[in-house]
Protein backbone atom coordinates (compact mmCIF):
# COMPACT_ATOMS: atom_id res chain seq x y z
CA MET A 1 84.58 223.68 -16.72
CA ALA A 2 85.50 220.19 -15.54
CA ALA A 3 84.11 218.75 -18.77
CA ALA A 4 86.09 221.25 -20.81
CA VAL A 5 89.33 220.31 -19.06
CA ALA A 6 88.64 216.63 -19.62
CA GLY A 7 87.88 217.18 -23.29
CA TYR A 8 91.04 219.18 -23.87
CA ALA A 9 93.18 216.63 -22.04
CA PHE A 10 92.05 213.80 -24.33
CA ALA A 11 91.68 215.70 -27.62
CA PRO A 12 92.69 213.53 -30.58
CA GLN A 13 96.27 213.77 -31.79
CA GLY A 14 96.67 216.40 -34.49
CA ALA A 15 94.01 218.83 -33.19
CA LYS A 16 94.74 222.42 -34.26
CA ALA A 17 92.74 224.22 -31.63
CA GLN A 18 94.61 226.57 -29.36
CA SER A 19 91.59 226.61 -27.07
CA LEU A 20 88.54 224.46 -26.81
CA PHE A 21 86.34 227.42 -27.82
CA ASP A 22 88.39 228.45 -30.88
CA GLU A 23 88.12 225.35 -33.02
CA THR A 24 87.21 221.74 -32.22
CA TYR A 25 87.32 218.63 -34.34
CA ALA A 26 84.54 216.03 -34.12
CA ASP A 27 85.08 212.75 -36.02
CA GLY A 28 87.86 214.39 -38.04
CA GLU A 29 85.70 217.33 -39.23
CA PRO A 30 86.12 220.89 -37.89
CA LEU A 31 83.17 222.12 -35.92
CA ASP A 32 82.67 225.86 -35.79
CA LEU A 33 81.11 226.78 -32.50
CA GLY A 34 81.10 230.50 -32.94
CA GLY A 35 81.36 233.09 -30.26
CA ASP A 36 77.94 232.26 -28.84
CA TYR A 37 78.16 228.50 -29.49
CA GLY A 38 75.48 229.02 -32.10
CA GLY A 39 77.45 228.08 -35.18
CA GLY A 40 77.63 231.53 -36.92
CA ASP A 41 78.81 235.11 -36.62
CA ALA A 42 76.80 238.23 -35.85
CA SER A 43 75.82 238.86 -39.46
CA GLY A 44 74.88 235.27 -40.26
CA PRO A 45 71.73 233.40 -39.44
CA SER A 46 71.30 232.10 -35.97
CA ARG A 47 71.51 228.33 -35.30
CA PRO A 48 70.52 226.26 -32.31
CA ARG A 49 73.17 225.95 -29.66
CA ALA A 50 75.44 222.96 -30.41
CA PRO A 51 76.40 220.52 -27.66
CA LEU A 52 79.82 221.03 -26.13
CA PRO A 53 82.16 218.43 -27.73
CA VAL A 54 84.49 216.48 -25.45
CA GLY A 55 87.32 214.70 -27.20
CA ALA A 56 86.46 213.05 -30.48
CA TRP A 57 82.76 212.85 -29.84
CA ALA A 58 80.07 215.37 -28.86
CA LEU A 59 78.70 215.23 -25.36
CA PRO A 60 76.34 217.57 -23.59
CA VAL A 61 77.72 219.49 -20.67
CA ASP A 62 77.52 217.28 -17.56
CA THR A 63 78.19 218.99 -14.28
CA ASN A 64 78.41 215.55 -12.54
CA LEU A 65 81.24 214.25 -14.73
CA ILE A 66 84.11 212.85 -12.60
CA VAL A 67 87.55 213.39 -14.06
CA GLU A 68 89.75 212.22 -11.17
CA ASP A 69 89.74 208.63 -12.43
CA LEU A 70 90.66 209.79 -15.94
CA LEU A 71 93.98 211.16 -14.67
CA LEU A 72 97.02 209.25 -13.38
CA PRO A 73 97.01 209.05 -9.56
CA PRO A 74 99.93 210.50 -7.60
CA THR A 75 101.10 206.98 -6.67
CA ALA A 76 102.03 206.38 -10.31
CA PHE A 77 104.86 208.91 -9.94
CA MET A 78 106.48 207.26 -6.89
CA PRO A 79 109.87 205.48 -7.26
CA ALA A 80 109.41 202.58 -9.66
CA ILE A 81 109.43 199.07 -8.18
CA PHE A 82 109.81 196.17 -10.58
CA ASP A 83 107.27 193.45 -9.85
CA THR A 84 106.50 191.73 -13.17
CA TYR A 85 106.40 192.19 -16.93
CA SER A 86 103.23 191.65 -18.94
CA LEU A 87 102.97 191.36 -22.71
CA LYS A 88 99.28 192.31 -22.54
CA ALA A 89 99.63 195.40 -20.37
CA PRO A 90 99.82 197.95 -23.27
CA GLU A 91 96.93 196.26 -25.09
CA GLU A 92 94.67 196.15 -22.05
CA ALA A 93 95.45 199.70 -20.96
CA PHE A 94 92.43 201.99 -20.73
CA ASN A 95 91.94 204.44 -23.62
CA PRO A 96 89.32 207.14 -22.86
CA LEU A 97 88.86 207.86 -26.60
CA GLU A 98 87.22 204.50 -27.24
CA GLU A 99 83.44 204.65 -27.68
CA ARG A 100 82.83 201.70 -25.32
CA TYR A 101 83.68 203.97 -22.38
CA ASN A 102 81.38 206.85 -23.37
CA ASP A 103 78.69 206.03 -20.84
CA LYS A 104 80.84 204.88 -17.93
CA TRP A 105 81.90 208.12 -16.36
CA ASP A 106 79.35 208.92 -13.73
CA ALA A 107 79.10 208.40 -9.99
CA THR A 108 77.51 204.96 -10.31
CA THR A 109 80.33 203.36 -12.32
CA TRP A 110 83.05 203.56 -9.66
CA ALA A 111 84.14 199.92 -10.16
CA ASP A 112 84.65 200.36 -13.90
CA ARG A 113 86.54 203.57 -13.31
CA ALA A 114 88.83 201.90 -10.75
CA VAL A 115 89.64 199.05 -13.14
CA ALA A 116 90.37 201.50 -15.94
CA ARG A 117 92.60 203.59 -13.70
CA ASP A 118 94.66 200.59 -12.56
CA SER A 119 94.99 199.38 -16.15
CA ARG A 120 96.30 202.74 -17.27
CA VAL A 121 98.76 202.93 -14.34
CA ARG A 122 100.17 199.47 -15.09
CA ALA A 123 100.82 200.36 -18.73
CA PHE A 124 102.38 203.68 -17.76
CA VAL A 125 104.74 202.18 -15.18
CA GLN A 126 105.78 199.31 -17.46
CA GLU A 127 106.56 201.62 -20.38
CA TYR A 128 108.55 203.84 -18.02
CA MET A 129 110.63 200.91 -16.72
CA ILE A 130 111.36 199.72 -20.27
CA ALA A 131 112.43 203.19 -21.38
CA HIS A 132 114.49 203.94 -18.25
CA PRO A 133 115.68 200.68 -16.64
CA GLU A 134 118.59 202.47 -14.96
CA LEU A 135 116.11 204.43 -12.83
CA VAL A 136 114.37 201.35 -11.44
CA ARG A 137 116.16 200.87 -8.11
CA TYR A 138 113.92 198.37 -6.36
CA ASN A 139 112.67 194.85 -6.96
CA GLN A 140 109.57 193.56 -5.22
CA ALA A 141 111.09 190.08 -4.79
CA THR A 142 114.02 191.41 -2.75
CA LEU A 143 112.31 194.08 -0.66
CA PRO A 144 112.31 193.24 3.08
CA ARG A 145 108.99 192.63 4.72
CA PRO A 146 108.65 193.73 8.33
CA PRO A 147 107.25 191.10 10.67
CA LYS A 148 103.80 191.63 12.07
CA GLU A 149 102.52 190.95 15.56
CA PHE A 150 98.92 190.66 16.59
CA LYS A 151 97.08 190.98 19.87
CA MET A 152 93.76 189.46 20.85
CA THR A 153 91.07 190.87 23.09
CA VAL A 154 88.02 188.97 24.35
CA ASP A 155 84.56 190.50 24.34
CA PRO A 156 82.57 188.40 26.89
CA GLU A 157 79.28 190.14 26.13
CA GLN A 158 79.31 189.19 22.43
CA ALA A 159 81.45 186.04 22.93
CA LYS A 160 83.94 187.23 20.30
CA ILE A 161 87.69 187.47 20.04
CA HIS A 162 89.02 190.57 18.29
CA VAL A 163 92.42 190.28 16.59
CA THR A 164 94.27 193.52 15.85
CA GLU A 165 97.77 194.29 14.71
CA PHE A 166 100.14 195.21 17.50
CA GLU A 167 102.18 198.33 16.84
CA ARG A 168 105.33 199.15 18.76
CA ASP A 169 106.83 202.50 19.58
CA ARG A 170 110.12 202.62 17.65
CA LYS A 171 111.79 205.03 20.05
CA GLN A 172 110.81 202.92 23.04
CA MET A 173 112.12 199.74 21.40
CA LEU A 174 115.48 201.36 20.70
CA THR A 175 115.89 202.24 24.37
CA LEU A 176 114.96 198.71 25.47
CA VAL A 177 116.93 196.69 22.94
CA GLY A 178 119.93 198.88 22.32
CA GLU A 179 122.49 198.34 19.59
CA ALA A 180 123.09 194.87 18.21
CA PRO A 181 126.46 193.34 19.15
CA PRO A 182 128.99 193.01 16.33
CA VAL A 183 129.11 189.71 14.47
CA ARG A 184 132.03 187.57 15.60
CA LYS A 185 134.19 185.98 12.95
CA ILE A 186 134.68 182.22 13.17
CA HIS A 187 138.37 181.66 12.44
CA TRP A 188 138.45 177.95 13.32
CA LEU A 189 136.09 175.32 11.93
CA LYS A 190 135.69 172.34 14.25
CA ASN A 191 134.18 168.90 13.67
CA PHE A 192 133.74 166.17 16.27
CA ASP A 193 132.51 162.65 15.54
CA ALA A 194 132.27 159.86 18.11
CA SER A 195 130.70 156.44 17.77
CA LEU A 196 130.38 153.26 19.82
CA GLN A 197 129.46 150.23 17.74
CA PHE A 198 129.23 146.57 18.64
CA SER A 199 128.01 143.15 17.60
CA GLN A 200 126.89 140.28 19.84
CA ALA A 201 126.03 136.62 19.37
CA TYR A 202 124.87 134.02 21.91
CA ILE A 203 125.15 130.30 21.15
CA SER A 204 123.89 127.74 23.60
CA PRO A 205 126.32 124.98 24.59
CA ASN A 206 124.14 122.31 22.92
CA TRP A 207 123.79 124.15 19.57
CA TYR A 208 123.78 121.43 16.88
CA GLN A 209 126.47 123.18 14.79
CA GLY A 210 128.64 124.17 17.73
CA GLY A 211 130.28 127.57 18.09
CA LYS A 212 131.04 130.09 20.81
CA SER A 213 129.22 133.15 22.06
CA ASN A 214 131.06 136.38 21.30
CA LEU A 215 130.82 140.09 21.91
CA ASN A 216 132.66 142.72 19.85
CA MET A 217 132.94 146.43 20.50
CA ILE A 218 134.68 149.23 18.61
CA ALA A 219 134.89 152.93 19.49
CA ASN A 220 135.86 155.76 17.15
CA VAL A 221 136.68 159.34 18.11
CA VAL A 222 137.55 161.91 15.42
CA TYR A 223 138.26 165.58 16.03
CA ASN A 224 139.18 167.90 13.17
CA VAL A 225 140.18 171.58 13.38
CA LYS A 226 141.03 173.78 10.41
CA LEU A 227 141.49 177.44 9.62
CA ASN A 228 138.44 179.06 8.05
CA PRO A 229 139.26 179.64 4.35
CA ALA A 230 136.65 182.42 4.15
CA TYR A 231 138.90 184.71 6.25
CA HIS A 232 142.30 183.15 5.47
CA LYS A 233 142.29 182.42 1.74
CA ASN A 234 146.08 182.21 1.45
CA LEU A 235 146.65 179.79 4.32
CA ILE A 236 145.98 176.13 5.13
CA PHE A 237 146.19 174.99 8.72
CA GLU A 238 144.44 171.75 9.63
CA THR A 239 144.84 169.19 12.41
CA TYR A 240 143.19 165.77 12.42
CA PHE A 241 143.01 163.69 15.60
CA ALA A 242 141.59 160.15 15.55
CA TYR A 243 141.53 157.26 17.99
CA LYS A 244 140.11 153.80 17.31
CA PHE A 245 139.75 151.10 19.91
CA GLY A 246 138.25 147.67 19.31
CA MET A 247 137.87 144.83 21.77
CA ASN A 248 136.21 141.40 21.73
CA ASN A 249 135.82 138.57 24.17
CA ALA A 250 138.09 135.60 23.53
CA PRO A 251 136.27 132.28 24.05
CA GLU A 252 139.07 130.40 22.28
CA ASP A 253 141.82 132.12 24.27
CA GLU A 254 142.60 130.25 27.46
CA VAL A 255 145.07 132.88 28.68
CA HIS A 256 143.16 136.13 28.13
CA ASP A 257 139.51 137.00 28.68
CA TYR A 258 139.48 139.49 25.81
CA ASN A 259 141.53 140.50 22.79
CA ILE A 260 142.28 143.95 21.38
CA SER A 261 141.39 144.02 17.71
CA GLU A 262 141.96 147.73 17.07
CA ASP A 263 144.14 150.27 18.88
CA LEU A 264 145.33 153.27 16.88
CA LEU A 265 146.08 156.85 17.90
CA GLN A 266 146.73 159.03 14.86
CA ILE A 267 147.44 162.76 14.55
CA ASN A 268 147.82 164.52 11.21
CA THR A 269 148.63 168.19 10.78
CA LYS A 270 149.19 170.35 7.76
CA PHE A 271 150.30 173.94 7.24
CA GLY A 272 150.42 175.63 3.85
CA TYR A 273 150.89 179.00 2.17
CA LYS A 274 149.22 179.69 -1.17
CA ALA A 275 151.46 179.50 -4.23
CA ALA A 276 148.95 179.36 -7.11
CA LYS A 277 145.20 178.94 -7.63
CA ARG A 278 144.83 175.65 -5.72
CA TRP A 279 148.49 174.92 -4.88
CA TYR A 280 150.17 175.62 -1.55
CA TYR A 281 153.68 175.35 -0.19
CA SER A 282 153.10 172.96 2.68
CA LEU A 283 154.58 171.29 5.72
CA THR A 284 152.88 168.02 6.74
CA ALA A 285 153.30 165.75 9.75
CA GLN A 286 151.81 162.41 10.79
CA PHE A 287 152.15 160.53 14.07
CA LYS A 288 150.79 157.05 14.84
CA THR A 289 151.00 154.72 17.81
CA GLN A 290 148.83 152.59 20.10
CA LEU A 291 147.98 152.97 23.80
CA TRP A 292 147.43 149.45 25.18
CA ASN A 293 149.42 146.24 25.37
CA ASN A 294 148.46 143.53 22.95
CA TYR A 295 149.30 139.80 23.05
CA LYS A 296 149.13 136.76 20.84
CA VAL A 297 146.24 134.33 21.27
CA ASN A 298 146.84 131.71 24.03
CA SER A 299 150.19 133.30 24.85
CA ASP A 300 151.81 135.97 27.02
CA VAL A 301 154.03 137.07 24.14
CA MET A 302 153.53 140.80 23.64
CA THR A 303 153.00 142.05 20.09
CA ALA A 304 152.67 145.82 20.65
CA SER A 305 152.49 148.49 23.35
CA PHE A 306 152.58 152.26 23.71
CA MET A 307 155.14 153.83 21.33
CA SER A 308 156.13 150.33 20.31
CA PRO A 309 155.77 150.81 17.47
CA GLY A 310 155.59 154.58 17.10
CA ASP A 311 155.81 156.31 13.74
CA LEU A 312 156.45 160.00 12.96
CA THR A 313 156.72 161.43 9.45
CA VAL A 314 157.41 165.08 8.57
CA GLY A 315 157.44 166.29 4.97
CA LEU A 316 158.07 169.51 3.08
CA GLY A 317 156.56 170.02 -0.36
CA MET A 318 153.37 171.10 -2.15
CA THR A 319 149.66 170.55 -1.48
CA TYR A 320 146.77 170.65 -3.93
CA ALA A 321 143.38 171.46 -2.37
CA TYR A 322 140.00 171.27 -4.12
CA GLU A 323 136.42 171.65 -2.88
CA ASN A 324 133.38 171.69 -5.14
CA PRO A 325 130.89 174.60 -4.91
CA ARG A 326 128.29 172.42 -3.13
CA LYS A 327 130.91 171.44 -0.48
CA THR A 328 130.08 167.74 -0.91
CA LEU A 329 133.52 166.77 -2.28
CA GLN A 330 136.90 167.63 -0.77
CA PHE A 331 140.18 166.39 -2.23
CA ASN A 332 143.70 167.09 -0.98
CA ALA A 333 146.99 165.82 -2.38
CA SER A 334 150.27 166.49 -0.54
CA ILE A 335 153.60 165.62 -2.16
CA ALA A 336 156.70 166.00 0.00
CA PRO A 337 160.00 165.24 -1.80
CA LEU A 338 161.85 166.08 1.43
CA SER A 339 160.58 163.84 4.23
CA TYR A 340 161.85 162.52 7.53
CA ASN A 341 160.57 159.36 9.22
CA LEU A 342 161.21 158.23 12.79
CA LYS A 343 160.33 154.74 14.04
CA THR A 344 160.38 153.93 17.75
CA CYS A 345 160.24 150.85 19.95
CA LEU A 346 160.53 152.02 23.53
CA ASN A 347 159.58 148.65 25.08
CA ASP A 348 162.59 146.80 23.72
CA LYS A 349 162.67 144.41 26.72
CA LYS A 350 159.44 142.60 25.73
CA LEU A 351 159.39 143.42 22.03
CA ASN A 352 161.83 142.81 19.20
CA PRO A 353 162.66 146.11 17.46
CA LYS A 354 163.55 144.22 14.26
CA SER A 355 159.87 143.35 13.74
CA PHE A 356 159.22 147.08 13.29
CA GLY A 357 162.14 147.72 10.92
CA ILE A 358 164.52 148.96 13.64
CA ASP A 359 168.05 147.67 13.89
CA GLU A 360 168.75 145.23 16.71
CA GLY A 361 170.05 146.88 19.84
CA ARG A 362 168.46 150.23 19.02
CA ARG A 363 165.13 151.76 20.04
CA THR A 364 164.74 154.27 17.20
CA LYS A 365 165.48 154.53 13.51
CA SER A 366 165.64 157.66 11.34
CA GLU A 367 165.02 157.60 7.60
CA TYR A 368 165.05 160.27 4.90
CA GLY A 369 163.08 160.06 1.69
CA SER A 370 159.78 161.14 0.12
CA SER A 371 156.17 160.89 1.22
CA SER A 372 152.73 161.48 -0.27
CA GLU A 373 149.28 161.74 1.24
CA LEU A 374 145.95 161.77 -0.62
CA THR A 375 142.64 162.38 1.17
CA LEU A 376 139.12 162.29 -0.24
CA ARG A 377 135.94 163.18 1.62
CA TRP A 378 132.77 162.64 -0.42
CA LYS A 379 129.18 163.04 0.70
CA LEU A 380 127.44 160.53 -1.56
CA ALA A 381 123.97 161.31 -0.16
CA TYR A 382 122.50 163.22 2.72
CA ASN A 383 123.15 160.21 5.02
CA ILE A 384 126.08 158.45 3.30
CA GLU A 385 129.70 159.63 3.62
CA TYR A 386 132.88 158.19 2.15
CA PHE A 387 136.36 158.99 3.46
CA SER A 388 139.63 157.70 2.03
CA ARG A 389 143.28 158.31 2.93
CA LEU A 390 146.34 157.00 1.12
CA PHE A 391 149.76 157.55 2.70
CA VAL A 392 153.07 156.38 1.20
CA PHE A 393 156.65 156.78 2.45
CA THR A 394 159.84 155.54 0.87
CA ASP A 395 163.53 155.97 1.65
CA TYR A 396 164.28 154.69 -1.88
CA GLU A 397 165.17 151.26 -0.45
CA GLN A 398 161.86 150.19 1.05
CA LEU A 399 158.26 151.31 0.68
CA THR A 400 155.48 151.55 3.26
CA GLY A 401 151.92 152.42 2.38
CA ASP A 402 148.56 152.66 4.17
CA TRP A 403 145.19 152.96 2.44
CA GLU A 404 142.23 153.54 4.75
CA ASN A 405 138.61 153.59 3.52
CA THR A 406 135.52 154.31 5.60
CA ILE A 407 131.88 154.35 4.47
CA THR A 408 129.39 155.65 7.02
CA PHE A 409 125.63 155.16 6.76
CA ASN A 410 123.85 157.54 9.14
CA ILE A 411 120.53 155.94 10.04
CA ASN A 412 119.52 158.91 12.15
CA LYS A 413 121.17 161.41 14.46
CA PHE A 414 122.33 158.77 16.97
CA LEU A 415 122.55 155.51 14.96
CA SER A 416 124.99 154.67 12.18
CA THR A 417 126.55 151.76 10.32
CA ARG A 418 130.21 151.86 9.34
CA ILE A 419 132.38 149.81 6.99
CA PHE A 420 136.12 150.22 7.54
CA ALA A 421 138.82 148.66 5.37
CA HIS A 422 142.57 149.18 5.90
CA LEU A 423 145.07 147.87 3.36
CA ARG A 424 148.77 148.05 4.27
CA TYR A 425 151.91 147.30 2.26
CA GLN A 426 155.48 146.84 3.54
CA SER A 427 158.11 145.96 0.96
CA LEU A 428 160.71 144.52 3.41
CA LYS A 429 158.32 142.88 5.85
CA ALA A 430 159.10 139.16 6.21
CA PRO A 431 155.99 137.09 5.32
CA GLU A 432 154.40 135.42 8.31
CA VAL A 433 151.29 134.00 6.63
CA GLU A 434 151.48 132.02 3.42
CA GLY A 435 149.84 133.81 0.51
CA TRP A 436 149.81 137.36 1.91
CA ARG A 437 153.55 138.15 1.83
CA HIS A 438 153.90 141.98 1.96
CA TRP A 439 150.18 142.80 2.03
CA GLN A 440 148.05 143.16 5.18
CA LEU A 441 144.29 143.73 5.38
CA LYS A 442 141.84 144.67 8.11
CA GLU A 443 138.07 145.00 7.57
CA ILE A 444 135.40 145.89 10.15
CA LEU A 445 131.62 146.13 9.74
CA SER A 446 129.83 147.63 12.73
CA ILE A 447 126.57 149.25 13.76
CA GLY A 448 125.85 151.28 16.86
CA PHE A 449 125.54 154.68 18.49
CA SER A 450 127.11 157.86 17.14
CA TYR A 451 127.31 161.54 18.00
CA LYS A 452 128.43 164.45 15.85
CA PHE A 453 129.22 168.07 16.51
CA ASN A 454 130.45 170.60 13.98
CA ARG A 455 130.98 174.32 13.73
CA SER A 456 131.39 175.19 10.08
């Protein structure tokens, strides 16, 4: 009966038989089995019993024929999971009607039967996914894979180590671990960068070319805080705090043991509300001063001190903000047609306020005009960063501009090299050095220790 079921399941297309014993086709020709399988009726001559045909060829009845591997396994009807697409899958699929498989369906050909079964399942699943792609809900590449743990036991008698998979009780783990805490949103992105860089040279007193030993040191501290745009897409709120301090020994200065080459405290803040795709209505502010007293070489004449000079600029206008998808380039442009500038010279007893653009006899000066600020932060490589800031203020009578450029080469986590160039322009500044007139330039090349911290 198993052979009969198999033969009926794979009968050639177009067979007319309603039952295997009514009429069967062999090689396209009808084969009349008769009621007694003898090939005739009761009145006709008797013929030898014909073999029972199975499919398109005649096979003798085999009670050991295995049909399980000729049918699709139950796993073929599970939810479809897309893993790959093969152009050869339909061609290589097993066809039980082919003559090359006639003698491969017994108990000794289990390997051939397994290969044929898998081939037929692959063709079936692929044709199903092509015909009904909307029903394929899973993809093998994106399915999660549970982690596995293993435990080892030592068998001292056989000197072997047995490795078995460690299974946990899910209910017990839930009672021990409990529910996971909710994920906290990070509303503020913070970046901290500090560096201490120096250069040193020793020259013996009898060096044939002469010269003096010197030691230079410069410290940079930068702290930046901004509102996370992932949760606040319509707002800009950013504050930038920076302090630079540079000092060097003064072998040529007979009055002072050291000179201050850099002393700048700068705070920039910006608040904006989105107006268009990358444009924001914005309020910007910038404050600059120094902390220590500074003097001329070989003199007690003071050139600057705390809040002398001091500079505060507040502007109202628009800001354009852009960041590339890779987050390696950030560009901001703030234009403030309505701006206010305040200059201070609190130490008017030792300093001349006129050297800072303040009227004689006064300690402060207020100006109204326009201001602009452009910032560019570009990560040129994984260890090279470029930062540039251009700030301009004008009261429509005089113009003041600062252009700062910094290139940082990060050697490793704690060592870096930095090139800093600061170009300044003052339209009404009286020239003190022949050839420079209104332009001023400061350039520093340093190497030393650095430390960074960021939460972004």
